Amino acid sequence: MGMPELPEVETIKRELAELIRNKKIKSVDINLAKQVKAPKAKFLKLVQGQKITAVRRRAKMLIFDLQNGWHLVFHLKMTGQLIYRDRSGKLAGGGHPIKYGDVKDKKSGAKMGSLDSARDKLLINLPNKYSHVIFNFHDGSRLFFNDLRQFGWVKLVDKEELNKIDKEFGVEPLEKEFTFEKFKELLLKKKGKVIKPLLMEQDSIAGVGNIYAQEACFCAGIVPNRRVKDISNAELKELYDCLIRILKLAVEKKGTSADNYVDAFGRQGNMIEYLKVYDRSGEKCPRCRNIIKSMKQGSRTTAYCPKCQR
């Protein structure tokens, strides 16, 4: 499964903000202690009774600001979800839906097959065995932090620790400080490195992952294994423009629904229709009709067009 990148997390951030901002947390149920990166007693003491004043994103993480100055930092990792349910039982969720095929019937033990609706795939029988942390709000609504494979986490941090986390990450590519000059400066500091993995280094550019690094390289006509020192200034400018344009489009389209990733209202993102090379190895290039190939870069598979990308 793919990990959500900047556009997917940004989509969930924007939509969860509509749902939970200014809600007061009445209580928290911690069903799996390892998902919470804080002592349970401290977590409950500092979170229960607090209002969520803001929902933000940093890189691929979600941050809830609490009224008392503390912060909840979530990383959904591979299979995490944040699912909101209001008093009437209406669901809205963001993250990787648990398919019915992943869940067994309580009576027979048989797997329950699959459904076509993204909303129906979100969850069944909330809370269920994947609901590791549950936030209960005063108005009767609830927020479920679910994780099938248990790689995700939530941390409780103060302002000082949040600043430390913030410094681990580079510039946000959709913020105004991400100029071409800044982009070039970051890359030329590591000019001996290969371009596509470098775009994914979070201490340089925050939030870009495997999908959008591949797409930016294709858009700019740069083969993913070229070293920065061999890329011209004009090519770097094209890569910069492509990266911003693709990320903005992906946010507009609510992300890529690879592995059934959905937004905070249970809707699948539409960006997958606009991807040119990601996960298309063996298919025809949309630009030149040659066959798209793939290469391994670390543990990642990278698709590219050997004719369009040099």
Protein backbone atom coordinates (compact mmCIF):
# COMPACT_ATOMS: atom_id res chain seq x y z
CA MET A 1 0.00 0.00 0.00
CA GLY A 2 1.11 3.54 -0.68
CA MET A 3 1.64 6.10 2.04
CA PRO A 4 -0.38 9.30 1.70
CA GLU A 5 1.61 12.24 0.41
CA LEU A 6 1.13 15.99 0.72
CA PRO A 7 -2.03 16.28 -1.45
CA GLU A 8 -3.83 13.44 0.32
CA VAL A 9 -3.01 14.71 3.82
CA GLU A 10 -3.78 18.30 2.82
CA THR A 11 -7.20 17.17 1.58
CA ILE A 12 -7.98 15.42 4.85
CA LYS A 13 -6.69 18.41 6.84
CA ARG A 14 -8.96 20.85 5.06
CA GLU A 15 -12.03 18.70 5.42
CA LEU A 16 -11.46 17.47 8.97
CA ALA A 17 -11.03 21.12 9.94
CA GLU A 18 -14.64 21.69 8.90
CA LEU A 19 -15.77 18.79 11.06
CA ILE A 20 -13.84 19.04 14.33
CA ARG A 21 -12.43 22.55 14.71
CA ASN A 22 -13.75 24.16 17.93
CA LYS A 23 -15.13 20.85 19.20
CA LYS A 24 -14.41 19.98 22.82
CA ILE A 25 -12.98 16.55 23.64
CA LYS A 26 -15.06 15.00 26.42
CA SER A 27 -13.05 11.79 26.78
CA VAL A 28 -10.54 9.57 24.99
CA ASP A 29 -10.59 5.77 24.76
CA ILE A 30 -7.14 4.24 24.27
CA ASN A 31 -7.56 0.64 23.13
CA LEU A 32 -4.00 0.04 21.93
CA ALA A 33 -1.40 1.88 23.97
CA LYS A 34 1.41 1.62 21.39
CA GLN A 35 -0.50 3.84 18.97
CA VAL A 36 -0.18 6.70 21.47
CA LYS A 37 3.35 8.06 21.86
CA ALA A 38 2.84 9.41 25.38
CA PRO A 39 2.15 7.96 28.85
CA LYS A 40 -1.55 7.16 29.02
CA ALA A 41 -2.25 9.13 32.22
CA LYS A 42 -0.49 12.23 30.87
CA PHE A 43 -2.24 11.93 27.52
CA LEU A 44 -5.70 11.70 29.10
CA LYS A 45 -5.02 14.51 31.55
CA LEU A 46 -3.86 16.96 28.88
CA VAL A 47 -6.29 16.02 26.10
CA GLN A 48 -9.61 15.36 27.81
CA GLY A 49 -11.64 18.53 28.29
CA GLN A 50 -9.71 20.44 25.63
CA LYS A 51 -11.05 22.23 22.57
CA ILE A 52 -9.44 21.63 19.17
CA THR A 53 -8.59 25.14 18.02
CA ALA A 54 -7.01 24.31 14.66
CA VAL A 55 -6.25 21.42 12.29
CA ARG A 56 -2.97 21.79 10.38
CA ARG A 57 -0.60 19.81 8.18
CA ARG A 58 3.21 19.57 8.28
CA ALA A 59 4.77 17.39 5.58
CA LYS A 60 2.72 14.15 5.71
CA MET A 61 1.47 14.66 9.28
CA LEU A 62 -1.76 16.10 10.70
CA ILE A 63 -1.60 18.41 13.71
CA PHE A 64 -4.49 19.27 16.04
CA ASP A 65 -3.83 22.35 18.18
CA LEU A 66 -5.42 22.17 21.63
CA GLN A 67 -6.67 25.11 23.66
CA ASN A 68 -4.17 24.47 26.47
CA GLY A 69 -1.17 24.92 24.15
CA TRP A 70 -0.48 21.21 23.59
CA HIS A 71 -0.71 19.51 20.20
CA LEU A 72 -1.80 16.15 18.82
CA VAL A 73 0.41 15.01 15.94
CA PHE A 74 -0.89 12.15 13.76
CA HIS A 75 0.95 10.10 11.17
CA LEU A 76 -1.35 7.74 9.26
CA LYS A 77 1.55 5.76 7.74
CA MET A 78 0.40 2.84 5.53
CA THR A 79 -3.13 2.01 6.70
CA GLY A 80 -4.18 4.72 9.12
CA GLN A 81 -7.57 6.41 9.17
CA LEU A 82 -9.24 9.27 10.98
CA ILE A 83 -12.97 8.60 10.81
CA TYR A 84 -15.50 11.11 12.11
CA ARG A 85 -19.04 10.11 13.08
CA ASP A 86 -21.65 12.65 14.12
CA ARG A 87 -24.49 12.13 16.60
CA SER A 88 -26.83 10.83 13.91
CA GLY A 89 -24.32 8.13 12.92
CA LYS A 90 -23.32 9.79 9.67
CA LEU A 91 -19.74 8.92 8.76
CA ALA A 92 -16.95 10.94 7.23
CA GLY A 93 -13.43 9.61 7.10
CA GLY A 94 -9.97 10.14 5.78
CA GLY A 95 -7.29 7.57 5.13
CA HIS A 96 -7.14 4.03 3.86
CA PRO A 97 -10.59 2.42 4.02
CA ILE A 98 -10.76 -1.02 5.58
CA LYS A 99 -12.31 -3.14 2.86
CA TYR A 100 -14.97 -5.62 3.79
CA GLY A 101 -12.55 -8.28 2.54
CA ASP A 102 -10.24 -7.39 5.44
CA VAL A 103 -12.92 -7.95 8.06
CA LYS A 104 -14.36 -11.28 9.17
CA ASP A 105 -17.99 -11.90 10.04
CA LYS A 106 -18.30 -12.14 13.83
CA LYS A 107 -20.47 -15.26 13.72
CA SER A 108 -19.04 -17.36 10.89
CA GLY A 109 -15.45 -16.08 10.84
CA ALA A 110 -15.66 -15.86 7.04
CA LYS A 111 -14.35 -12.83 5.20
CA MET A 112 -17.13 -10.53 4.10
CA GLY A 113 -16.22 -9.88 0.47
CA SER A 114 -16.12 -6.40 -1.00
CA LEU A 115 -18.42 -3.55 -1.97
CA ASP A 116 -18.05 -0.93 -4.69
CA SER A 117 -18.96 2.14 -2.67
CA ALA A 118 -15.96 3.97 -1.18
CA ARG A 119 -18.12 5.15 1.70
CA ASP A 120 -19.35 1.61 2.44
CA LYS A 121 -15.76 0.38 2.41
CA LEU A 122 -14.68 2.91 5.03
CA LEU A 123 -15.56 0.91 8.14
CA ILE A 124 -18.18 -1.38 9.53
CA ASN A 125 -19.45 -1.71 13.07
CA LEU A 126 -17.70 1.31 14.54
CA PRO A 127 -15.84 0.98 16.78
CA ASN A 128 -14.19 -2.25 15.66
CA LYS A 129 -10.95 -4.04 16.44
CA TYR A 130 -8.98 -1.51 14.39
CA SER A 131 -10.29 1.48 16.39
CA HIS A 132 -7.22 1.96 18.57
CA VAL A 133 -7.89 5.49 19.81
CA ILE A 134 -11.32 7.14 20.03
CA PHE A 135 -11.95 10.82 20.72
CA ASN A 136 -15.43 11.46 22.15
CA PHE A 137 -16.69 15.02 21.76
CA HIS A 138 -19.15 16.84 24.03
CA ASP A 139 -21.74 17.11 21.27
CA GLY A 140 -21.92 13.32 20.90
CA SER A 141 -19.76 13.06 17.79
CA ARG A 142 -16.65 10.87 17.77
CA LEU A 143 -13.33 10.66 15.94
CA PHE A 144 -11.85 7.19 15.46
CA PHE A 145 -8.13 6.69 14.87
CA ASN A 146 -7.98 3.30 13.15
CA ASP A 147 -5.04 1.39 11.78
CA LEU A 148 -5.17 -2.09 10.27
CA ARG A 149 -1.40 -2.68 10.37
CA GLN A 150 -0.66 -0.47 13.40
CA PHE A 151 2.17 1.54 11.84
CA GLY A 152 0.48 4.90 12.44
CA TRP A 153 0.70 6.90 15.64
CA VAL A 154 -0.48 9.94 17.55
CA LYS A 155 1.94 11.99 19.68
CA LEU A 156 1.12 14.53 22.36
CA VAL A 157 3.68 17.33 22.20
CA ASP A 158 4.19 20.78 23.68
CA LYS A 159 5.27 23.83 21.68
CA GLU A 160 8.98 23.12 22.14
CA GLU A 161 8.74 19.55 20.89
CA LEU A 162 6.49 20.63 18.02
CA ASN A 163 9.19 23.10 16.99
CA LYS A 164 11.74 20.26 17.03
CA ILE A 165 9.49 18.15 14.79
CA ASP A 166 9.00 21.12 12.49
CA LYS A 167 12.77 21.54 12.07
CA GLU A 168 13.11 17.92 10.91
CA PHE A 169 11.34 18.85 7.70
CA GLY A 170 12.26 21.10 4.83
CA VAL A 171 10.31 23.76 3.00
CA GLU A 172 6.63 23.24 2.17
CA PRO A 173 6.39 23.20 -1.63
CA LEU A 174 3.02 24.97 -1.75
CA GLU A 175 4.10 27.85 0.49
CA LYS A 176 5.34 31.18 -0.89
CA GLU A 177 8.88 30.70 0.47
CA PHE A 178 9.34 27.78 -1.94
CA THR A 179 10.80 29.88 -4.75
CA PHE A 180 12.83 28.55 -7.65
CA GLU A 181 15.94 30.02 -6.04
CA LYS A 182 15.18 28.07 -2.84
CA PHE A 183 14.49 24.88 -4.82
CA LYS A 184 17.77 25.18 -6.72
CA GLU A 185 19.68 25.95 -3.54
CA LEU A 186 18.33 22.82 -1.84
CA LEU A 187 19.18 20.58 -4.78
CA LEU A 188 22.64 21.98 -5.43
CA LYS A 189 23.59 21.32 -1.81
CA LYS A 190 23.33 17.66 -2.75
CA LYS A 191 24.33 17.87 -6.40
CA GLY A 192 25.97 14.44 -6.38
CA LYS A 193 22.65 12.77 -5.55
CA VAL A 194 20.10 11.21 -7.90
CA ILE A 195 17.18 13.53 -8.59
CA LYS A 196 14.04 11.50 -7.93
CA PRO A 197 14.99 10.14 -4.47
CA LEU A 198 16.28 13.61 -3.59
CA LEU A 199 12.85 15.12 -4.26
CA MET A 200 11.52 12.70 -1.62
CA GLU A 201 14.02 13.65 1.11
CA GLN A 202 11.79 15.22 3.74
CA ASP A 203 14.50 17.39 5.26
CA SER A 204 14.75 19.22 1.93
CA ILE A 205 11.21 19.34 0.55
CA ALA A 206 8.37 18.32 2.86
CA GLY A 207 5.54 16.06 1.79
CA VAL A 208 6.67 14.84 -1.64
CA GLY A 209 6.69 11.06 -1.99
CA ASN A 210 7.01 8.37 -4.61
CA ILE A 211 3.96 9.27 -6.69
CA TYR A 212 4.54 12.96 -7.21
CA ALA A 213 8.33 12.74 -7.53
CA GLN A 214 7.85 10.35 -10.47
CA GLU A 215 5.23 12.56 -12.07
CA ALA A 216 7.36 15.70 -11.72
CA CYS A 217 10.34 14.00 -13.36
CA PHE A 218 8.17 12.84 -16.27
CA CYS A 219 6.61 16.26 -16.68
CA ALA A 220 10.05 17.87 -16.83
CA GLY A 221 11.49 15.22 -19.17
CA ILE A 222 14.19 14.22 -16.68
CA VAL A 223 15.04 10.55 -16.22
CA PRO A 224 14.68 9.72 -12.50
CA ASN A 225 18.24 8.43 -12.05
CA ARG A 226 20.07 11.51 -13.33
CA ARG A 227 22.32 13.25 -10.85
CA VAL A 228 21.59 16.84 -9.96
CA LYS A 229 25.00 18.00 -11.21
CA ASP A 230 24.06 16.81 -14.71
CA ILE A 231 20.78 18.75 -14.86
CA SER A 232 20.82 22.18 -16.49
CA ASN A 233 19.41 25.31 -14.93
CA ALA A 234 16.60 25.36 -17.51
CA GLU A 235 15.71 21.76 -16.69
CA LEU A 236 15.70 22.52 -12.96
CA LYS A 237 13.29 25.41 -13.60
CA GLU A 238 11.01 23.10 -15.58
CA LEU A 239 11.14 20.52 -12.79
CA TYR A 240 10.28 23.20 -10.22
CA ASP A 241 7.32 24.41 -12.26
CA CYS A 242 6.13 20.84 -12.86
CA LEU A 243 6.31 19.89 -9.19
CA ILE A 244 4.24 22.86 -8.04
CA ARG A 245 1.71 22.46 -10.85
CA ILE A 246 1.25 18.73 -10.17
CA LEU A 247 0.90 19.17 -6.40
CA LYS A 248 -1.67 21.94 -6.83
CA LEU A 249 -3.64 19.82 -9.29
CA ALA A 250 -3.50 16.84 -6.92
CA VAL A 251 -4.88 18.93 -4.05
CA GLU A 252 -7.62 20.24 -6.35
CA LYS A 253 -8.48 16.65 -7.33
CA LYS A 254 -8.38 15.55 -3.67
CA GLY A 255 -5.38 13.31 -4.08
CA THR A 256 -4.66 9.97 -5.65
CA SER A 257 -6.90 7.09 -4.63
CA ALA A 258 -4.13 4.52 -4.89
CA ASP A 259 -5.06 1.65 -2.58
CA ASN A 260 -8.52 3.20 -2.04
CA TYR A 261 -7.24 6.26 -0.21
CA VAL A 262 -10.18 8.58 0.40
CA ASP A 263 -10.77 12.12 1.58
CA ALA A 264 -12.41 13.23 4.81
CA PHE A 265 -15.90 12.77 3.41
CA GLY A 266 -15.31 9.25 2.13
CA ARG A 267 -14.79 10.33 -1.48
CA GLN A 268 -12.04 8.90 -3.62
CA GLY A 269 -9.57 11.38 -5.06
CA ASN A 270 -9.55 11.88 -8.81
CA MET A 271 -5.84 12.56 -9.33
CA ILE A 272 -5.16 9.00 -10.49
CA GLU A 273 -6.78 9.90 -13.82
CA TYR A 274 -4.13 12.58 -14.34
CA LEU A 275 -1.05 10.49 -13.50
CA LYS A 276 1.15 9.86 -16.53
CA VAL A 277 3.69 7.25 -15.40
CA TYR A 278 3.09 6.20 -11.79
CA ASP A 279 2.08 2.52 -11.67
CA ARG A 280 1.90 2.40 -15.48
CA SER A 281 4.97 0.31 -16.29
CA GLY A 282 4.32 -1.72 -19.44
CA GLU A 283 1.70 0.71 -20.73
CA LYS A 284 2.12 3.19 -23.58
CA CYS A 285 3.52 6.61 -22.75
CA PRO A 286 0.73 9.21 -23.09
CA ARG A 287 3.19 11.56 -24.78
CA CYS A 288 5.17 9.46 -27.28
CA ARG A 289 3.39 6.05 -27.18
CA ASN A 290 6.60 4.19 -26.35
CA ILE A 291 6.37 1.61 -23.57
CA ILE A 292 6.83 2.93 -20.03
CA LYS A 293 9.57 1.11 -18.13
CA SER A 294 10.45 0.90 -14.45
CA MET A 295 13.57 0.86 -12.31
CA LYS A 296 14.26 0.17 -8.66
CA GLN A 297 15.48 3.10 -6.59
CA GLY A 298 16.13 1.87 -3.09
CA SER A 299 12.99 0.04 -2.02
CA ARG A 300 10.82 2.01 -4.47
CA THR A 301 9.74 1.22 -8.01
CA THR A 302 10.01 4.20 -10.33
CA ALA A 303 8.19 4.31 -13.68
CA TYR A 304 9.54 6.44 -16.53
CA CYS A 305 9.51 6.84 -20.28
CA PRO A 306 12.94 6.03 -21.78
CA LYS A 307 12.21 8.27 -24.79
CA CYS A 308 10.62 11.32 -23.16
CA GLN A 309 12.92 11.42 -20.15
CA ARG A 310 16.65 12.00 -20.63
